[in-house]
């Protein structure tokens, strides 16, 4: 398969998969906030999530990601609407970063790296395989990398949040 076909296949995956459910509402929020303010941005972001869910149902695709997205968008929009601050839309993402860092750090302390748990869930392999002394170090390294990545991301998120940089928060997230 040539590079062009690979790119087209990857775009199809993004545009038809759960990634679209996660990308569209924040994009709608950012543009609507710039054009119409927080009230309309919140309403339009929620409406976009509802439309994605309806499209998933009509196309007989799984709707669980769209439903989860609707809940997430509603909470995020609620944070920004109640506070009257568009940057508050990203509070759930900031909380998520903190939770991930805590979970990853805890998993490292108990010597059951988070990357192994994620791999277990995605691959379905026997969990004991991941704890083997010849396998666990690789998953430990990945978990350390993830932890450092999310710590850096959290630092940037907080910096942008305190500045009220909604566009920057969108790009980081």
N, C-alpha and C. Protein backbone atom coordinates (compact mmCIF):
# COMPACT_ATOMS: atom_id res chain seq x y z
N UNK A 1 0.86 -1.18 0.00
CA UNK A 1 0.00 0.00 0.00
C UNK A 1 0.90 1.24 0.00
N UNK A 2 0.61 2.18 -0.89
CA UNK A 2 1.44 3.39 -0.94
C UNK A 2 1.01 4.39 0.12
N UNK A 3 1.84 5.41 0.31
CA UNK A 3 1.60 6.42 1.37
C UNK A 3 0.26 7.12 1.20
N UNK A 4 -0.09 7.44 -0.03
CA UNK A 4 -1.36 8.13 -0.29
C UNK A 4 -2.55 7.32 0.17
N UNK A 5 -2.53 6.03 -0.14
CA UNK A 5 -3.63 5.15 0.29
C UNK A 5 -3.65 4.99 1.81
N UNK A 6 -2.46 4.94 2.42
CA UNK A 6 -2.39 4.83 3.88
C UNK A 6 -3.00 6.06 4.54
N UNK A 7 -2.69 7.24 3.99
CA UNK A 7 -3.24 8.49 4.54
C UNK A 7 -4.75 8.51 4.38
N UNK A 8 -5.24 8.12 3.22
CA UNK A 8 -6.69 8.10 2.97
C UNK A 8 -7.38 7.13 3.93
N UNK A 9 -6.80 5.94 4.13
CA UNK A 9 -7.38 4.97 5.06
C UNK A 9 -7.39 5.51 6.49
N UNK A 10 -6.32 6.19 6.88
CA UNK A 10 -6.25 6.76 8.22
C UNK A 10 -7.31 7.86 8.38
N UNK A 11 -7.47 8.70 7.37
CA UNK A 11 -8.51 9.74 7.43
C UNK A 11 -9.90 9.13 7.52
N UNK A 12 -10.14 8.05 6.79
CA UNK A 12 -11.44 7.36 6.87
C UNK A 12 -11.69 6.87 8.28
N UNK A 13 -10.65 6.33 8.91
CA UNK A 13 -10.77 5.84 10.27
C UNK A 13 -11.13 6.98 11.22
N UNK A 14 -10.45 8.12 11.05
CA UNK A 14 -10.72 9.27 11.92
C UNK A 14 -12.12 9.81 11.69
N UNK A 15 -12.52 9.93 10.43
CA UNK A 15 -13.81 10.54 10.12
C UNK A 15 -15.00 9.64 10.36
N UNK A 16 -14.77 8.33 10.43
CA UNK A 16 -15.88 7.42 10.67
C UNK A 16 -15.82 6.80 12.05
N UNK A 17 -14.73 6.95 12.74
CA UNK A 17 -14.57 6.33 14.05
C UNK A 17 -14.91 7.27 15.19
N UNK A 18 -14.56 6.83 16.39
CA UNK A 18 -14.89 7.59 17.59
C UNK A 18 -14.10 8.87 17.71
N UNK A 19 -13.02 9.03 16.94
CA UNK A 19 -12.22 10.25 16.98
C UNK A 19 -13.06 11.46 16.60
N UNK A 20 -13.91 11.29 15.61
CA UNK A 20 -14.78 12.38 15.17
C UNK A 20 -15.67 12.85 16.31
N UNK A 21 -16.16 11.90 17.09
CA UNK A 21 -17.03 12.24 18.22
C UNK A 21 -16.32 13.15 19.22
N UNK A 22 -15.01 12.97 19.35
CA UNK A 22 -14.24 13.74 20.31
C UNK A 22 -13.76 15.08 19.74
N UNK A 23 -13.65 15.18 18.42
CA UNK A 23 -13.10 16.39 17.81
C UNK A 23 -14.13 17.46 17.49
N UNK A 24 -15.27 17.06 16.99
CA UNK A 24 -16.24 18.04 16.48
C UNK A 24 -16.78 18.99 17.55
N UNK A 25 -17.31 18.50 18.69
CA UNK A 25 -17.87 19.46 19.66
C UNK A 25 -16.88 20.52 20.16
N UNK A 26 -15.62 20.16 20.49
CA UNK A 26 -14.70 21.23 20.90
C UNK A 26 -14.41 22.23 19.78
N UNK A 27 -14.33 21.74 18.54
CA UNK A 27 -14.11 22.66 17.41
C UNK A 27 -15.29 23.60 17.28
N UNK A 28 -16.50 23.05 17.38
CA UNK A 28 -17.71 23.88 17.32
C UNK A 28 -17.69 24.90 18.46
N UNK A 29 -17.31 24.46 19.66
CA UNK A 29 -17.27 25.35 20.81
C UNK A 29 -16.31 26.51 20.57
N UNK A 30 -15.11 26.20 20.09
CA UNK A 30 -14.09 27.23 19.87
C UNK A 30 -14.58 28.28 18.88
N UNK A 31 -15.06 27.82 17.72
CA UNK A 31 -15.51 28.77 16.70
C UNK A 31 -16.76 29.54 17.13
N UNK A 32 -17.72 28.83 17.72
CA UNK A 32 -18.95 29.50 18.15
C UNK A 32 -18.67 30.50 19.26
N UNK A 33 -17.75 30.17 20.16
CA UNK A 33 -17.41 31.12 21.22
C UNK A 33 -16.80 32.39 20.63
N UNK A 34 -15.93 32.23 19.65
CA UNK A 34 -15.32 33.39 19.01
C UNK A 34 -16.32 34.25 18.27
N UNK A 35 -17.32 33.60 17.68
CA UNK A 35 -18.31 34.33 16.88
C UNK A 35 -19.51 34.83 17.69
N UNK A 36 -20.00 33.99 18.64
CA UNK A 36 -21.28 34.29 19.28
C UNK A 36 -21.24 34.36 20.80
N UNK A 37 -20.15 33.96 21.42
CA UNK A 37 -20.05 33.98 22.88
C UNK A 37 -20.33 32.63 23.51
N UNK A 38 -20.17 32.60 24.82
CA UNK A 38 -20.24 31.34 25.57
C UNK A 38 -21.61 30.68 25.49
N UNK A 39 -22.67 31.43 25.61
CA UNK A 39 -24.01 30.83 25.60
C UNK A 39 -24.23 30.01 24.34
N UNK A 40 -24.02 30.64 23.19
CA UNK A 40 -24.24 29.93 21.93
C UNK A 40 -23.19 28.84 21.71
N UNK A 41 -21.98 29.09 22.15
CA UNK A 41 -20.94 28.06 22.02
C UNK A 41 -21.33 26.81 22.78
N UNK A 42 -21.84 26.98 23.98
CA UNK A 42 -22.26 25.84 24.79
C UNK A 42 -23.41 25.10 24.12
N UNK A 43 -24.40 25.83 23.67
CA UNK A 43 -25.57 25.22 23.02
C UNK A 43 -25.16 24.49 21.74
N UNK A 44 -24.36 25.14 20.91
CA UNK A 44 -23.97 24.53 19.64
C UNK A 44 -23.05 23.32 19.81
N UNK A 45 -22.18 23.37 20.81
CA UNK A 45 -21.31 22.21 21.08
C UNK A 45 -22.16 21.01 21.50
N UNK A 46 -23.12 21.24 22.38
CA UNK A 46 -24.00 20.16 22.81
C UNK A 46 -24.84 19.66 21.62
N UNK A 47 -25.36 20.56 20.82
CA UNK A 47 -26.14 20.16 19.64
C UNK A 47 -25.29 19.34 18.67
N UNK A 48 -24.04 19.71 18.49
CA UNK A 48 -23.18 18.94 17.59
C UNK A 48 -22.98 17.51 18.12
N UNK A 49 -22.85 17.37 19.45
CA UNK A 49 -22.71 16.04 20.04
C UNK A 49 -23.99 15.23 19.86
N UNK A 50 -25.14 15.88 20.00
CA UNK A 50 -26.43 15.21 19.78
C UNK A 50 -26.54 14.76 18.32
N UNK A 51 -26.17 15.62 17.40
CA UNK A 51 -26.24 15.27 15.97
C UNK A 51 -25.33 14.10 15.63
N UNK A 52 -24.15 14.06 16.22
CA UNK A 52 -23.24 12.94 15.99
C UNK A 52 -23.88 11.65 16.51
N UNK A 53 -24.51 11.72 17.68
CA UNK A 53 -25.20 10.55 18.23
C UNK A 53 -26.33 10.08 17.33
N UNK A 54 -27.11 11.02 16.83
CA UNK A 54 -28.21 10.67 15.92
C UNK A 54 -27.65 10.04 14.64
N UNK A 55 -26.59 10.62 14.11
CA UNK A 55 -25.97 10.06 12.89
C UNK A 55 -25.48 8.64 13.15
N UNK A 56 -24.90 8.39 14.31
CA UNK A 56 -24.44 7.04 14.65
C UNK A 56 -25.62 6.06 14.68
N UNK A 57 -26.73 6.49 15.25
CA UNK A 57 -27.91 5.62 15.31
C UNK A 57 -28.48 5.35 13.92
N UNK A 58 -28.59 6.39 13.11
CA UNK A 58 -29.13 6.25 11.75
C UNK A 58 -28.24 5.33 10.92
N UNK A 59 -26.94 5.47 11.07
CA UNK A 59 -25.99 4.64 10.30
C UNK A 59 -25.77 3.27 10.93
N UNK A 60 -26.51 3.00 12.03
CA UNK A 60 -26.41 1.72 12.74
C UNK A 60 -24.98 1.43 13.22
N UNK A 61 -24.32 2.49 13.67
CA UNK A 61 -22.98 2.38 14.24
C UNK A 61 -23.10 2.42 15.76
N UNK A 62 -22.04 2.02 16.44
CA UNK A 62 -22.08 2.09 17.89
C UNK A 62 -22.24 3.54 18.33
N UNK A 63 -23.12 3.75 19.27
CA UNK A 63 -23.42 5.11 19.72
C UNK A 63 -22.81 5.41 21.10
N UNK A 64 -22.13 4.39 21.70
CA UNK A 64 -21.64 4.60 23.07
C UNK A 64 -20.61 5.72 23.16
N UNK A 65 -19.75 5.86 22.14
CA UNK A 65 -18.76 6.94 22.18
C UNK A 65 -19.44 8.30 22.00
N UNK A 66 -20.44 8.34 21.13
CA UNK A 66 -21.17 9.58 20.93
C UNK A 66 -21.93 9.96 22.20
N UNK A 67 -22.51 8.97 22.88
CA UNK A 67 -23.22 9.24 24.13
C UNK A 67 -22.26 9.73 25.20
N UNK A 68 -21.11 9.05 25.33
CA UNK A 68 -20.08 9.50 26.27
C UNK A 68 -19.61 10.90 25.95
N UNK A 69 -19.45 11.17 24.66
CA UNK A 69 -19.06 12.51 24.23
C UNK A 69 -20.10 13.56 24.59
N UNK A 70 -21.38 13.20 24.44
CA UNK A 70 -22.45 14.13 24.79
C UNK A 70 -22.41 14.47 26.28
N UNK A 71 -22.18 13.46 27.10
CA UNK A 71 -22.07 13.71 28.55
C UNK A 71 -20.87 14.62 28.82
N UNK A 72 -19.72 14.29 28.22
CA UNK A 72 -18.52 15.08 28.43
C UNK A 72 -18.67 16.52 27.95
N UNK A 73 -19.26 16.69 26.78
CA UNK A 73 -19.47 18.03 26.23
C UNK A 73 -20.44 18.81 27.10
N UNK A 74 -21.48 18.15 27.59
CA UNK A 74 -22.45 18.82 28.45
C UNK A 74 -21.81 19.30 29.74
N UNK A 75 -20.97 18.46 30.35
CA UNK A 75 -20.28 18.85 31.58
C UNK A 75 -19.33 20.01 31.30
N UNK A 76 -18.54 19.88 30.23
CA UNK A 76 -17.57 20.93 29.88
C UNK A 76 -18.28 22.24 29.57
N UNK A 77 -19.34 22.16 28.78
CA UNK A 77 -20.09 23.38 28.43
C UNK A 77 -20.72 23.97 29.69
N UNK A 78 -21.18 23.11 30.59
CA UNK A 78 -21.76 23.59 31.84
C UNK A 78 -20.74 24.36 32.68
N UNK A 79 -19.51 23.84 32.76
CA UNK A 79 -18.45 24.55 33.49
C UNK A 79 -18.23 25.95 32.91
N UNK A 80 -18.16 26.04 31.59
CA UNK A 80 -17.88 27.34 30.98
C UNK A 80 -19.09 28.27 31.09
N UNK A 81 -20.28 27.73 30.90
CA UNK A 81 -21.50 28.53 30.96
C UNK A 81 -21.71 29.11 32.35
N UNK A 82 -21.61 28.25 33.37
CA UNK A 82 -21.85 28.70 34.76
C UNK A 82 -20.83 29.75 35.19
N UNK A 83 -19.58 29.54 34.81
CA UNK A 83 -18.52 30.47 35.22
C UNK A 83 -18.46 31.69 34.31
N UNK A 84 -19.07 31.60 33.13
CA UNK A 84 -18.97 32.71 32.19
C UNK A 84 -17.57 32.86 31.62
N UNK A 85 -16.84 31.73 31.59
CA UNK A 85 -15.45 31.74 31.14
C UNK A 85 -15.24 30.56 30.19
N UNK A 86 -14.92 30.84 28.94
CA UNK A 86 -14.78 29.78 27.94
C UNK A 86 -13.65 28.81 28.29
N UNK A 87 -12.62 29.27 28.98
CA UNK A 87 -11.51 28.39 29.34
C UNK A 87 -11.96 27.27 30.27
N UNK A 88 -13.04 27.51 31.02
CA UNK A 88 -13.55 26.49 31.94
C UNK A 88 -14.08 25.25 31.21
N UNK A 89 -14.28 25.35 29.91
CA UNK A 89 -14.68 24.20 29.10
C UNK A 89 -13.66 23.08 29.24
N UNK A 90 -12.43 23.44 29.53
CA UNK A 90 -11.33 22.47 29.60
C UNK A 90 -11.03 21.98 31.01
N UNK A 91 -11.81 22.37 31.99
CA UNK A 91 -11.60 21.86 33.36
C UNK A 91 -11.69 20.33 33.40
N UNK A 92 -12.67 19.70 32.75
CA UNK A 92 -12.68 18.23 32.78
C UNK A 92 -11.40 17.61 32.19
N UNK A 93 -10.83 18.22 31.18
CA UNK A 93 -9.59 17.70 30.60
C UNK A 93 -8.43 17.85 31.58
N UNK A 94 -8.40 18.97 32.30
CA UNK A 94 -7.36 19.18 33.30
C UNK A 94 -7.50 18.16 34.43
N UNK A 95 -8.73 17.95 34.89
CA UNK A 95 -8.98 16.94 35.92
C UNK A 95 -8.58 15.56 35.41
N UNK A 96 -8.87 15.28 34.14
CA UNK A 96 -8.48 14.01 33.55
C UNK A 96 -6.98 13.82 33.52
N UNK A 97 -6.24 14.88 33.25
CA UNK A 97 -4.78 14.79 33.26
C UNK A 97 -4.27 14.46 34.65
N UNK A 98 -4.83 15.13 35.65
CA UNK A 98 -4.43 14.86 37.04
C UNK A 98 -4.73 13.41 37.40
N UNK A 99 -5.93 12.95 37.05
CA UNK A 99 -6.33 11.57 37.36
C UNK A 99 -5.40 10.57 36.68
N UNK A 100 -5.03 10.85 35.43
CA UNK A 100 -4.14 9.94 34.72
C UNK A 100 -2.77 9.88 35.39
N UNK A 101 -2.25 11.03 35.78
CA UNK A 101 -0.94 11.07 36.45
C UNK A 101 -0.99 10.29 37.76
N UNK A 102 -2.06 10.47 38.52
CA UNK A 102 -2.20 9.75 39.79
C UNK A 102 -2.30 8.25 39.54
N UNK A 103 -3.12 7.85 38.56
CA UNK A 103 -3.28 6.43 38.25
C UNK A 103 -1.97 5.82 37.76
N UNK A 104 -1.29 6.51 36.88
CA UNK A 104 -0.02 6.00 36.34
C UNK A 104 1.03 5.92 37.45
N UNK A 105 1.12 6.96 38.26
CA UNK A 105 2.09 6.96 39.37
C UNK A 105 1.81 5.85 40.36
N UNK A 106 0.55 5.66 40.70
CA UNK A 106 0.17 4.59 41.62
C UNK A 106 0.51 3.24 41.02
N UNK A 107 0.24 3.07 39.73
CA UNK A 107 0.53 1.79 39.08
C UNK A 107 2.03 1.49 39.10
N UNK A 108 2.84 2.52 38.99
CA UNK A 108 4.29 2.33 39.05
C UNK A 108 4.74 1.95 40.47
N UNK A 109 4.14 2.58 41.46
CA UNK A 109 4.49 2.29 42.86
C UNK A 109 4.17 0.84 43.21
N UNK A 110 3.02 0.35 42.72
CA UNK A 110 2.62 -1.03 43.05
C UNK A 110 3.18 -2.04 42.04
N UNK A 111 4.00 -1.56 41.12
CA UNK A 111 4.68 -2.41 40.13
C UNK A 111 3.71 -3.16 39.22
N UNK A 112 2.61 -2.49 38.89
CA UNK A 112 1.63 -2.99 37.93
C UNK A 112 1.37 -1.85 36.94
N UNK A 113 2.30 -1.61 36.00
CA UNK A 113 2.24 -0.41 35.15
C UNK A 113 0.93 -0.25 34.37
N UNK A 114 0.48 0.98 34.34
CA UNK A 114 -0.78 1.32 33.67
C UNK A 114 -0.77 0.89 32.21
N UNK A 115 0.36 1.02 31.54
CA UNK A 115 0.44 0.63 30.13
C UNK A 115 0.10 -0.85 29.96
N UNK A 116 0.46 -1.68 30.91
CA UNK A 116 0.12 -3.10 30.85
C UNK A 116 -1.39 -3.30 30.98
N UNK A 117 -2.01 -2.57 31.90
CA UNK A 117 -3.47 -2.67 32.05
C UNK A 117 -4.17 -2.26 30.76
N UNK A 118 -3.72 -1.16 30.16
CA UNK A 118 -4.33 -0.68 28.91
C UNK A 118 -4.13 -1.71 27.80
N UNK A 119 -2.94 -2.26 27.72
CA UNK A 119 -2.67 -3.27 26.71
C UNK A 119 -3.52 -4.52 26.96
N UNK A 120 -3.68 -4.89 28.21
CA UNK A 120 -4.54 -6.03 28.55
C UNK A 120 -5.98 -5.78 28.07
N UNK A 121 -6.49 -4.59 28.33
CA UNK A 121 -7.85 -4.27 27.93
C UNK A 121 -8.03 -4.24 26.42
N UNK A 122 -7.01 -3.74 25.72
CA UNK A 122 -7.14 -3.63 24.27
C UNK A 122 -6.84 -4.93 23.53
N UNK A 123 -5.95 -5.74 24.09
CA UNK A 123 -5.56 -6.98 23.42
C UNK A 123 -6.26 -8.22 23.97
N UNK A 124 -6.64 -8.17 25.23
CA UNK A 124 -7.30 -9.30 25.84
C UNK A 124 -6.38 -10.42 26.26
N UNK A 125 -5.08 -10.17 26.28
CA UNK A 125 -4.12 -11.19 26.71
C UNK A 125 -4.27 -11.42 28.21
N UNK A 126 -3.82 -12.59 28.64
CA UNK A 126 -3.84 -12.95 30.05
C UNK A 126 -3.05 -11.91 30.85
N UNK A 127 -3.65 -11.40 31.90
CA UNK A 127 -3.03 -10.34 32.69
C UNK A 127 -1.71 -10.78 33.32
N UNK A 128 -1.62 -12.03 33.70
CA UNK A 128 -0.37 -12.51 34.31
C UNK A 128 0.82 -12.40 33.36
N UNK A 129 0.58 -12.47 32.06
CA UNK A 129 1.67 -12.34 31.09
C UNK A 129 2.38 -10.99 31.24
N UNK A 130 1.60 -9.94 31.51
CA UNK A 130 2.16 -8.59 31.62
C UNK A 130 3.04 -8.41 32.86
N UNK A 131 2.84 -9.24 33.86
CA UNK A 131 3.59 -9.09 35.11
C UNK A 131 4.88 -9.90 35.12
N UNK A 132 5.14 -10.63 34.06
CA UNK A 132 6.38 -11.42 33.98
C UNK A 132 7.60 -10.49 34.06
N UNK A 133 8.67 -10.97 34.67
CA UNK A 133 9.87 -10.14 34.87
C UNK A 133 10.55 -9.75 33.57
N UNK A 134 10.32 -10.50 32.49
CA UNK A 134 10.92 -10.13 31.20
C UNK A 134 10.01 -9.21 30.38
N UNK A 135 8.77 -9.03 30.80
CA UNK A 135 7.80 -8.20 30.06
C UNK A 135 7.52 -6.89 30.77
N UNK A 136 7.34 -6.95 32.09
CA UNK A 136 6.95 -5.76 32.86
C UNK A 136 7.86 -4.55 32.66
N UNK A 137 9.20 -4.70 32.54
CA UNK A 137 10.04 -3.50 32.38
C UNK A 137 9.68 -2.63 31.17
N UNK A 138 9.29 -3.26 30.08
CA UNK A 138 8.91 -2.48 28.90
C UNK A 138 7.65 -1.66 29.18
N UNK A 139 6.68 -2.28 29.84
CA UNK A 139 5.44 -1.57 30.17
C UNK A 139 5.69 -0.51 31.24
N UNK A 140 6.64 -0.75 32.10
CA UNK A 140 7.03 0.26 33.09
C UNK A 140 7.61 1.49 32.40
N UNK A 141 8.48 1.26 31.42
CA UNK A 141 9.07 2.39 30.67
C UNK A 141 8.00 3.20 29.95
N UNK A 142 7.07 2.51 29.33
CA UNK A 142 5.98 3.21 28.62
C UNK A 142 5.15 4.02 29.62
N UNK A 143 4.86 3.43 30.77
CA UNK A 143 4.06 4.13 31.78
C UNK A 143 4.81 5.36 32.30
N UNK A 144 6.12 5.25 32.48
CA UNK A 144 6.92 6.41 32.89
C UNK A 144 6.84 7.50 31.82
N UNK A 145 6.98 7.11 30.57
CA UNK A 145 6.88 8.08 29.48
C UNK A 145 5.51 8.75 29.48
N UNK A 146 4.44 7.95 29.60
CA UNK A 146 3.09 8.50 29.65
C UNK A 146 2.95 9.49 30.81
N UNK A 147 3.47 9.12 31.96
CA UNK A 147 3.36 9.99 33.14
C UNK A 147 4.06 11.32 32.90
N UNK A 148 5.26 11.26 32.35
CA UNK A 148 5.99 12.50 32.04
C UNK A 148 5.25 13.33 30.99
N UNK A 149 4.72 12.65 29.97
CA UNK A 149 3.96 13.35 28.93
C UNK A 149 2.75 14.05 29.52
N UNK A 150 1.98 13.34 30.35
CA UNK A 150 0.78 13.94 30.93
C UNK A 150 1.12 15.02 31.96
N UNK A 151 2.25 14.89 32.64
CA UNK A 151 2.68 15.94 33.56
C UNK A 151 3.03 17.21 32.79
N UNK A 152 3.72 17.05 31.67
CA UNK A 152 4.03 18.21 30.82
C UNK A 152 2.74 18.81 30.27
N UNK A 153 1.84 17.94 29.81
CA UNK A 153 0.56 18.42 29.29
C UNK A 153 -0.21 19.17 30.36
N UNK A 154 -0.23 18.64 31.60
CA UNK A 154 -0.92 19.31 32.70
C UNK A 154 -0.32 20.68 32.97
N UNK A 155 0.99 20.76 32.96
CA UNK A 155 1.67 22.05 33.17
C UNK A 155 1.23 23.05 32.10
N UNK A 156 1.22 22.62 30.85
CA UNK A 156 0.82 23.51 29.75
C UNK A 156 -0.66 23.86 29.88
N UNK A 157 -1.50 22.86 30.20
CA UNK A 157 -2.93 23.13 30.38
C UNK A 157 -3.16 24.19 31.45
N UNK A 158 -2.50 24.03 32.59
CA UNK A 158 -2.69 25.00 33.68
C UNK A 158 -2.19 26.39 33.29
N UNK A 159 -1.06 26.44 32.62
CA UNK A 159 -0.53 27.71 32.15
C UNK A 159 -1.53 28.41 31.22
N UNK A 160 -2.04 27.67 30.25
CA UNK A 160 -3.01 28.24 29.29
C UNK A 160 -4.33 28.57 29.97
N UNK A 161 -4.76 27.72 30.91
CA UNK A 161 -6.01 27.96 31.63
C UNK A 161 -5.93 29.26 32.41
N UNK A 162 -4.83 29.45 33.12
CA UNK A 162 -4.67 30.67 33.91
C UNK A 162 -4.60 31.92 33.03
N UNK A 163 -4.12 31.76 31.81
CA UNK A 163 -4.09 32.88 30.86
C UNK A 163 -5.44 33.07 30.16
N UNK A 164 -6.33 32.07 30.27
CA UNK A 164 -7.62 32.13 29.58
C UNK A 164 -7.49 31.89 28.09
N UNK A 165 -6.46 31.17 27.68
CA UNK A 165 -6.18 30.91 26.26
C UNK A 165 -6.97 29.70 25.77
N UNK A 166 -8.19 29.95 25.31
CA UNK A 166 -9.10 28.88 24.89
C UNK A 166 -8.57 28.16 23.65
N UNK A 167 -8.06 28.90 22.70
CA UNK A 167 -7.53 28.27 21.48
C UNK A 167 -6.32 27.39 21.81
N UNK A 168 -5.45 27.88 22.67
CA UNK A 168 -4.30 27.09 23.09
C UNK A 168 -4.72 25.83 23.81
N UNK A 169 -5.74 25.93 24.67
CA UNK A 169 -6.25 24.76 25.38
C UNK A 169 -6.82 23.74 24.40
N UNK A 170 -7.50 24.22 23.38
CA UNK A 170 -8.03 23.32 22.36
C UNK A 170 -6.89 22.54 21.69
N UNK A 171 -5.85 23.25 21.31
CA UNK A 171 -4.73 22.60 20.61
C UNK A 171 -4.02 21.61 21.52
N UNK A 172 -3.82 21.93 22.78
CA UNK A 172 -3.13 21.03 23.71
C UNK A 172 -3.96 19.77 23.93
N UNK A 173 -5.27 19.95 23.98
CA UNK A 173 -6.15 18.81 24.26
C UNK A 173 -6.50 18.04 23.00
